[in-house]
Amino acid sequence: MNKKSIEKTKALPSQKRALHRYAKILAAASKLITETGRADKLTINQIAKVSGIPRVSVYYFFHSSDQVVARLYELALSEMITEMETLEVAGAMHWKDAVVQLVLNTADYYRTNKLTMILSLSPHSHLEITPINRAYAQALFNYLTTMQGYKRSLISQFNCEIAVEIADAIWRRSFLESGTIKPAFDVEVIKSVVGYLSAIPEPDANYKSISKLQKLKRDN
């Protein structure tokens, strides 16, 4: 899958019949990915066969199987963002404790939602950062800045993007080795994410990389 295929995904259907077909296509793709444990081998022919939707009609909604996977990935991460936003926090929690709670909650979510785990942690999902990846990192940033001790700034916002990548890289190793996320890797994620976010100093206003970060933010 590549960034180009994600950007050119066709618009969502609006008519009832089209919505029904669209949903059947996504359901078939979800079933195939969950059963095989892989998303990189998915084909339009497989989707058409399982969904009962003619191959030409599948192409009407998606240019390729990569775009089907991209859409499922987008939906999966959107659900994870909702989970984060509805996570109950007991009182005024320190941001490090909040990270622990969030990591454990996310790991449990992966383990009980196999499709999301496959889409997020399979090798195919090691993509360039896409808008939905940034949206998840933004949700993490918003979550942490409501906690004690975490400062809201441009650099800390970028740090959240890196923290998400660190967590997924560690969980991906467990997924590739065992097909799931083992609890021992949750501990490694907590240590690595908290360690990374704690070790990054807050730059002053004259920090020369700030302008570069601001330009990257505008360009992307």
C-alpha atoms as a PDB file:
ATOM      1  CA  MET A   1       0.000   0.000   0.000  1.00  0.00           C
ATOM      2  CA  ASN A   2       1.242   3.505  -0.615  1.00  0.00           C
ATOM      3  CA  LYS A   3       0.260   7.028   0.226  1.00  0.00           C
ATOM      4  CA  LYS A   4      -0.920   7.718  -3.316  1.00  0.00           C
ATOM      5  CA  SER A   5      -3.508   4.942  -3.176  1.00  0.00           C
ATOM      6  CA  ILE A   6      -4.905   6.311   0.064  1.00  0.00           C
ATOM      7  CA  GLU A   7      -5.212   9.867  -1.202  1.00  0.00           C
ATOM      8  CA  LYS A   8      -7.195   8.866  -4.294  1.00  0.00           C
ATOM      9  CA  THR A   9      -9.824   6.756  -2.560  1.00  0.00           C
ATOM     10  CA  LYS A  10     -13.180   7.467  -4.163  1.00  0.00           C
ATOM     11  CA  ALA A  11     -15.910   9.429  -2.407  1.00  0.00           C
ATOM     12  CA  LEU A  12     -18.310   7.595  -0.125  1.00  0.00           C
ATOM     13  CA  PRO A  13     -21.583   6.488  -1.737  1.00  0.00           C
ATOM     14  CA  SER A  14     -24.810   8.250  -0.821  1.00  0.00           C
ATOM     15  CA  GLN A  15     -27.639   6.154  -2.281  1.00  0.00           C
ATOM     16  CA  LYS A  16     -29.118   3.364  -0.167  1.00  0.00           C
ATOM     17  CA  ARG A  17     -28.325   0.551  -2.607  1.00  0.00           C
ATOM     18  CA  ALA A  18     -24.784   1.806  -3.099  1.00  0.00           C
ATOM     19  CA  LEU A  19     -24.275   2.070   0.662  1.00  0.00           C
ATOM     20  CA  HIS A  20     -25.450  -1.528   1.048  1.00  0.00           C
ATOM     21  CA  ARG A  21     -22.931  -2.744  -1.544  1.00  0.00           C
ATOM     22  CA  TYR A  22     -20.191  -0.617  -0.031  1.00  0.00           C
ATOM     23  CA  ALA A  23     -20.843  -2.123   3.406  1.00  0.00           C
ATOM     24  CA  LYS A  24     -20.811  -5.669   1.973  1.00  0.00           C
ATOM     25  CA  ILE A  25     -17.454  -5.016   0.324  1.00  0.00           C
ATOM     26  CA  LEU A  26     -15.922  -3.786   3.588  1.00  0.00           C
ATOM     27  CA  ALA A  27     -17.476  -6.671   5.518  1.00  0.00           C
ATOM     28  CA  ALA A  28     -16.054  -9.211   3.058  1.00  0.00           C
ATOM     29  CA  ALA A  29     -12.600  -7.630   3.214  1.00  0.00           C
ATOM     30  CA  SER A  30     -12.754  -7.592   7.013  1.00  0.00           C
ATOM     31  CA  LYS A  31     -13.666 -11.288   7.056  1.00  0.00           C
ATOM     32  CA  LEU A  32     -10.837 -12.230   4.693  1.00  0.00           C
ATOM     33  CA  ILE A  33      -8.235 -10.239   6.609  1.00  0.00           C
ATOM     34  CA  THR A  34      -9.360 -11.603   9.968  1.00  0.00           C
ATOM     35  CA  GLU A  35      -9.351 -15.196   8.733  1.00  0.00           C
ATOM     36  CA  THR A  36      -5.921 -15.022   7.076  1.00  0.00           C
ATOM     37  CA  GLY A  37      -4.303 -12.677   9.586  1.00  0.00           C
ATOM     38  CA  ARG A  38      -2.938 -10.635   6.675  1.00  0.00           C
ATOM     39  CA  ALA A  39      -3.984  -7.610   4.668  1.00  0.00           C
ATOM     40  CA  ASP A  40      -1.192  -7.508   2.094  1.00  0.00           C
ATOM     41  CA  LYS A  41      -2.508 -10.503   0.111  1.00  0.00           C
ATOM     42  CA  LEU A  42      -6.072  -9.242  -0.225  1.00  0.00           C
ATOM     43  CA  THR A  43      -7.368  -9.087  -3.811  1.00  0.00           C
ATOM     44  CA  ILE A  44     -10.402  -7.587  -5.528  1.00  0.00           C
ATOM     45  CA  ASN A  45     -11.302 -11.040  -6.854  1.00  0.00           C
ATOM     46  CA  GLN A  46     -11.446 -12.425  -3.300  1.00  0.00           C
ATOM     47  CA  ILE A  47     -13.567  -9.525  -2.123  1.00  0.00           C
ATOM     48  CA  ALA A  48     -15.982  -9.928  -5.040  1.00  0.00           C
ATOM     49  CA  LYS A  49     -16.352 -13.667  -4.407  1.00  0.00           C
ATOM     50  CA  VAL A  50     -16.991 -13.383  -0.659  1.00  0.00           C
ATOM     51  CA  SER A  51     -19.225 -10.310  -0.866  1.00  0.00           C
ATOM     52  CA  GLY A  52     -21.250 -11.498  -3.824  1.00  0.00           C
ATOM     53  CA  ILE A  53     -20.681  -8.087  -5.422  1.00  0.00           C
ATOM     54  CA  PRO A  54     -19.576  -8.143  -9.081  1.00  0.00           C
ATOM     55  CA  ARG A  55     -15.900  -7.373  -9.564  1.00  0.00           C
ATOM     56  CA  VAL A  56     -16.691  -4.354 -11.737  1.00  0.00           C
ATOM     57  CA  SER A  57     -18.915  -2.967  -8.974  1.00  0.00           C
ATOM     58  CA  VAL A  58     -16.130  -3.334  -6.426  1.00  0.00           C
ATOM     59  CA  TYR A  59     -13.919  -1.280  -8.728  1.00  0.00           C
ATOM     60  CA  TYR A  60     -16.655   1.346  -8.873  1.00  0.00           C
ATOM     61  CA  PHE A  61     -16.013   2.048  -5.166  1.00  0.00           C
ATOM     62  CA  PHE A  62     -12.291   1.256  -4.902  1.00  0.00           C
ATOM     63  CA  HIS A  63      -9.453   1.507  -7.414  1.00  0.00           C
ATOM     64  CA  SER A  64      -7.594  -1.367  -5.749  1.00  0.00           C
ATOM     65  CA  SER A  65      -7.539  -3.729  -2.788  1.00  0.00           C
ATOM     66  CA  ASP A  66      -5.030  -1.357  -1.180  1.00  0.00           C
ATOM     67  CA  GLN A  67      -7.742   1.275  -1.028  1.00  0.00           C
ATOM     68  CA  VAL A  68     -10.127  -1.167   0.641  1.00  0.00           C
ATOM     69  CA  VAL A  69      -7.496  -1.842   3.294  1.00  0.00           C
ATOM     70  CA  ALA A  70      -6.823   1.892   3.631  1.00  0.00           C
ATOM     71  CA  ARG A  71     -10.510   2.550   4.286  1.00  0.00           C
ATOM     72  CA  LEU A  72     -10.721  -0.218   6.886  1.00  0.00           C
ATOM     73  CA  TYR A  73      -7.564   1.147   8.520  1.00  0.00           C
ATOM     74  CA  GLU A  74      -9.075   4.616   8.640  1.00  0.00           C
ATOM     75  CA  LEU A  75     -12.274   3.303  10.234  1.00  0.00           C
ATOM     76  CA  ALA A  76     -10.312   1.214  12.743  1.00  0.00           C
ATOM     77  CA  LEU A  77      -8.168   4.119  13.913  1.00  0.00           C
ATOM     78  CA  SER A  78     -11.222   6.364  14.098  1.00  0.00           C
ATOM     79  CA  GLU A  79     -12.775   3.869  16.501  1.00  0.00           C
ATOM     80  CA  MET A  80      -9.587   3.823  18.561  1.00  0.00           C
ATOM     81  CA  ILE A  81      -9.644   7.624  18.745  1.00  0.00           C
ATOM     82  CA  THR A  82     -13.217   7.449  20.031  1.00  0.00           C
ATOM     83  CA  GLU A  83     -12.113   4.898  22.632  1.00  0.00           C
ATOM     84  CA  MET A  84      -9.366   7.260  23.777  1.00  0.00           C
ATOM     85  CA  GLU A  85     -11.687  10.251  23.927  1.00  0.00           C
ATOM     86  CA  THR A  86     -14.200   8.351  26.062  1.00  0.00           C
ATOM     87  CA  LEU A  87     -11.593   6.870  28.397  1.00  0.00           C
ATOM     88  CA  GLU A  88     -12.553   7.688  31.974  1.00  0.00           C
ATOM     89  CA  VAL A  89      -9.861   9.361  34.034  1.00  0.00           C
ATOM     90  CA  ALA A  90      -9.957   9.255  37.804  1.00  0.00           C
ATOM     91  CA  GLY A  91      -9.491  12.800  39.079  1.00  0.00           C
ATOM     92  CA  ALA A  92      -6.446  14.884  38.274  1.00  0.00           C
ATOM     93  CA  MET A  93      -4.083  12.237  36.930  1.00  0.00           C
ATOM     94  CA  HIS A  94      -0.410  12.793  36.165  1.00  0.00           C
ATOM     95  CA  TRP A  95       0.359  12.360  32.474  1.00  0.00           C
ATOM     96  CA  LYS A  96       2.672   9.381  33.110  1.00  0.00           C
ATOM     97  CA  ASP A  97      -0.126   7.518  34.901  1.00  0.00           C
ATOM     98  CA  ALA A  98      -2.424   8.473  32.032  1.00  0.00           C
ATOM     99  CA  VAL A  99       0.013   6.906  29.553  1.00  0.00           C
ATOM    100  CA  VAL A 100       0.007   3.673  31.563  1.00  0.00           C
ATOM    101  CA  GLN A 101      -3.783   3.572  31.556  1.00  0.00           C
ATOM    102  CA  LEU A 102      -3.979   4.376  27.848  1.00  0.00           C
ATOM    103  CA  VAL A 103      -1.374   1.773  26.845  1.00  0.00           C
ATOM    104  CA  LEU A 104      -3.136  -0.988  28.781  1.00  0.00           C
ATOM    105  CA  ASN A 105      -6.501   0.069  27.365  1.00  0.00           C
ATOM    106  CA  THR A 106      -5.115   0.131  23.804  1.00  0.00           C
ATOM    107  CA  ALA A 107      -3.474  -3.279  24.190  1.00  0.00           C
ATOM    108  CA  ASP A 108      -6.735  -4.782  25.446  1.00  0.00           C
ATOM    109  CA  TYR A 109      -8.548  -3.155  22.533  1.00  0.00           C
ATOM    110  CA  TYR A 110      -6.107  -4.715  20.055  1.00  0.00           C
ATOM    111  CA  ARG A 111      -6.458  -8.145  21.650  1.00  0.00           C
ATOM    112  CA  THR A 112     -10.260  -8.047  21.493  1.00  0.00           C
ATOM    113  CA  ASN A 113     -10.412  -6.484  18.005  1.00  0.00           C
ATOM    114  CA  LYS A 114      -8.352  -8.738  15.772  1.00  0.00           C
ATOM    115  CA  LEU A 115      -9.036  -6.809  12.577  1.00  0.00           C
ATOM    116  CA  THR A 116      -7.764  -3.561  14.089  1.00  0.00           C
ATOM    117  CA  MET A 117      -4.658  -5.320  15.410  1.00  0.00           C
ATOM    118  CA  ILE A 118      -3.886  -6.779  11.979  1.00  0.00           C
ATOM    119  CA  LEU A 119      -4.494  -3.510  10.154  1.00  0.00           C
ATOM    120  CA  SER A 120      -2.421  -1.480  12.615  1.00  0.00           C
ATOM    121  CA  LEU A 121       0.476  -3.855  13.214  1.00  0.00           C
ATOM    122  CA  SER A 122       0.945  -5.848  10.004  1.00  0.00           C
ATOM    123  CA  PRO A 123       4.047  -4.917   7.969  1.00  0.00           C
ATOM    124  CA  HIS A 124       1.821  -3.326   5.296  1.00  0.00           C
ATOM    125  CA  SER A 125       0.674  -0.716   7.821  1.00  0.00           C
ATOM    126  CA  HIS A 126       4.213   0.625   8.311  1.00  0.00           C
ATOM    127  CA  LEU A 127       3.332   3.547   6.027  1.00  0.00           C
ATOM    128  CA  GLU A 128       4.161   7.175   5.611  1.00  0.00           C
ATOM    129  CA  ILE A 129       2.222   9.199   8.164  1.00  0.00           C
ATOM    130  CA  THR A 130      -1.279   9.779   6.826  1.00  0.00           C
ATOM    131  CA  PRO A 131      -3.955  12.215   8.023  1.00  0.00           C
ATOM    132  CA  ILE A 132      -5.614   9.520  10.134  1.00  0.00           C
ATOM    133  CA  ASN A 133      -2.286   8.687  11.824  1.00  0.00           C
ATOM    134  CA  ARG A 134      -1.902  12.358  12.636  1.00  0.00           C
ATOM    135  CA  ALA A 135      -5.474  12.474  13.910  1.00  0.00           C
ATOM    136  CA  TYR A 136      -4.664   9.670  16.346  1.00  0.00           C
ATOM    137  CA  ALA A 137      -1.491  11.420  17.499  1.00  0.00           C
ATOM    138  CA  GLN A 138      -3.492  14.637  17.880  1.00  0.00           C
ATOM    139  CA  ALA A 139      -6.027  12.787  20.043  1.00  0.00           C
ATOM    140  CA  LEU A 140      -3.159  11.492  22.192  1.00  0.00           C
ATOM    141  CA  PHE A 141      -1.782  15.018  22.506  1.00  0.00           C
ATOM    142  CA  ASN A 142      -5.208  16.391  23.494  1.00  0.00           C
ATOM    143  CA  TYR A 143      -5.599  13.566  26.009  1.00  0.00           C
ATOM    144  CA  LEU A 144      -2.216  14.144  27.663  1.00  0.00           C
ATOM    145  CA  THR A 145      -2.500  17.923  27.841  1.00  0.00           C
ATOM    146  CA  THR A 146      -5.519  17.565  30.136  1.00  0.00           C
ATOM    147  CA  MET A 147      -3.303  15.718  32.615  1.00  0.00           C
ATOM    148  CA  GLN A 148      -0.984  17.089  35.251  1.00  0.00           C
ATOM    149  CA  GLY A 149       2.529  17.966  34.163  1.00  0.00           C
ATOM    150  CA  TYR A 150       2.199  17.744  30.380  1.00  0.00           C
ATOM    151  CA  LYS A 151       2.776  20.997  28.518  1.00  0.00           C
ATOM    152  CA  ARG A 152       0.869  21.996  25.392  1.00  0.00           C
ATOM    153  CA  SER A 153       3.339  23.065  22.700  1.00  0.00           C
ATOM    154  CA  LEU A 154       4.228  22.400  19.083  1.00  0.00           C
ATOM    155  CA  ILE A 155       7.203  20.230  19.988  1.00  0.00           C
ATOM    156  CA  SER A 156       5.167  18.106  22.420  1.00  0.00           C
ATOM    157  CA  GLN A 157       2.565  17.626  19.684  1.00  0.00           C
ATOM    158  CA  PHE A 158       5.219  16.221  17.346  1.00  0.00           C
ATOM    159  CA  ASN A 159       6.543  14.097  20.189  1.00  0.00           C
ATOM    160  CA  CYS A 160       3.134  12.430  20.424  1.00  0.00           C
ATOM    161  CA  GLU A 161       3.416  11.371  16.782  1.00  0.00           C
ATOM    162  CA  ILE A 162       6.779   9.764  17.545  1.00  0.00           C
ATOM    163  CA  ALA A 163       5.382   8.138  20.701  1.00  0.00           C
ATOM    164  CA  VAL A 164       2.608   6.472  18.681  1.00  0.00           C
ATOM    165  CA  GLU A 165       5.203   5.115  16.236  1.00  0.00           C
ATOM    166  CA  ILE A 166       7.328   3.790  19.109  1.00  0.00           C
ATOM    167  CA  ALA A 167       4.372   1.971  20.659  1.00  0.00           C
ATOM    168  CA  ASP A 168       3.294   0.390  17.385  1.00  0.00           C
ATOM    169  CA  ALA A 169       6.858  -0.680  16.559  1.00  0.00           C
ATOM    170  CA  ILE A 170       7.115  -2.584  19.852  1.00  0.00           C
ATOM    171  CA  TRP A 171       3.653  -4.134  19.578  1.00  0.00           C
ATOM    172  CA  ARG A 172       4.362  -5.000  15.925  1.00  0.00           C
ATOM    173  CA  ARG A 173       7.285  -7.153  16.998  1.00  0.00           C
ATOM    174  CA  SER A 174       5.040  -9.160  19.317  1.00  0.00           C
ATOM    175  CA  PHE A 175       2.375  -9.454  16.609  1.00  0.00           C
ATOM    176  CA  LEU A 176       4.862 -10.713  14.023  1.00  0.00           C
ATOM    177  CA  GLU A 177       6.390 -13.211  16.443  1.00  0.00           C
ATOM    178  CA  SER A 178       3.196 -14.636  17.934  1.00  0.00           C
ATOM    179  CA  GLY A 179       0.198 -13.278  16.038  1.00  0.00           C
ATOM    180  CA  THR A 180      -0.965 -11.325  19.064  1.00  0.00           C
ATOM    181  CA  ILE A 181       0.222  -8.828  21.670  1.00  0.00           C
ATOM    182  CA  LYS A 182       1.783 -10.440  24.723  1.00  0.00           C
ATOM    183  CA  PRO A 183       1.442  -8.578  28.053  1.00  0.00           C
ATOM    184  CA  ALA A 184       5.219  -8.372  28.434  1.00  0.00           C
ATOM    185  CA  PHE A 185       5.292  -6.064  25.421  1.00  0.00           C
ATOM    186  CA  ASP A 186       2.774  -3.744  27.074  1.00  0.00           C
ATOM    187  CA  VAL A 187       5.374  -3.144  29.769  1.00  0.00           C
ATOM    188  CA  GLU A 188       7.992  -2.348  27.126  1.00  0.00           C
ATOM    189  CA  VAL A 189       5.620   0.098  25.436  1.00  0.00           C
ATOM    190  CA  ILE A 190       4.949   1.883  28.729  1.00  0.00           C
ATOM    191  CA  LYS A 191       8.638   2.134  29.584  1.00  0.00           C
ATOM    192  CA  SER A 192       9.601   3.310  26.092  1.00  0.00           C
ATOM    193  CA  VAL A 193       6.811   5.860  25.594  1.00  0.00           C
ATOM    194  CA  VAL A 194       7.095   7.356  29.081  1.00  0.00           C
ATOM    195  CA  GLY A 195      10.872   7.346  28.777  1.00  0.00           C
ATOM    196  CA  TYR A 196      10.795   9.065  25.397  1.00  0.00           C
ATOM    197  CA  LEU A 197       8.279  11.744  26.378  1.00  0.00           C
ATOM    198  CA  SER A 198      10.142  12.385  29.650  1.00  0.00           C
ATOM    199  CA  ALA A 199      13.537  12.692  28.003  1.00  0.00           C
ATOM    200  CA  ILE A 200      12.616  15.335  25.410  1.00  0.00           C
ATOM    201  CA  PRO A 201      13.421  18.796  26.819  1.00  0.00           C
ATOM    202  CA  GLU A 202      11.031  21.647  26.145  1.00  0.00           C
ATOM    203  CA  PRO A 203      12.878  24.104  23.823  1.00  0.00           C
ATOM    204  CA  ASP A 204      12.808  27.836  24.322  1.00  0.00           C
ATOM    205  CA  ALA A 205      11.225  30.208  21.812  1.00  0.00           C
ATOM    206  CA  ASN A 206      14.530  30.623  19.967  1.00  0.00           C
ATOM    207  CA  TYR A 207      14.952  26.899  19.319  1.00  0.00           C
ATOM    208  CA  LYS A 208      15.791  26.911  15.593  1.00  0.00           C
ATOM    209  CA  SER A 209      14.008  23.631  14.779  1.00  0.00           C
ATOM    210  CA  ILE A 210      10.660  25.125  15.806  1.00  0.00           C
ATOM    211  CA  SER A 211      10.363  26.985  12.500  1.00  0.00           C
ATOM    212  CA  LYS A 212      11.083  23.753  10.629  1.00  0.00           C
ATOM    213  CA  LEU A 213       8.395  21.935  12.574  1.00  0.00           C
ATOM    214  CA  GLN A 214       5.909  24.707  11.876  1.00  0.00           C
ATOM    215  CA  LYS A 215       6.701  24.515   8.152  1.00  0.00           C
ATOM    216  CA  LEU A 216       6.246  20.722   8.143  1.00  0.00           C
ATOM    217  CA  LYS A 217       2.913  21.156   9.884  1.00  0.00           C
ATOM    218  CA  ARG A 218       1.733  23.629   7.245  1.00  0.00           C
ATOM    219  CA  ASP A 219       2.986  21.557   4.318  1.00  0.00           C
ATOM    220  CA  ASN A 220       1.317  18.385   5.536  1.00  0.00           C
END
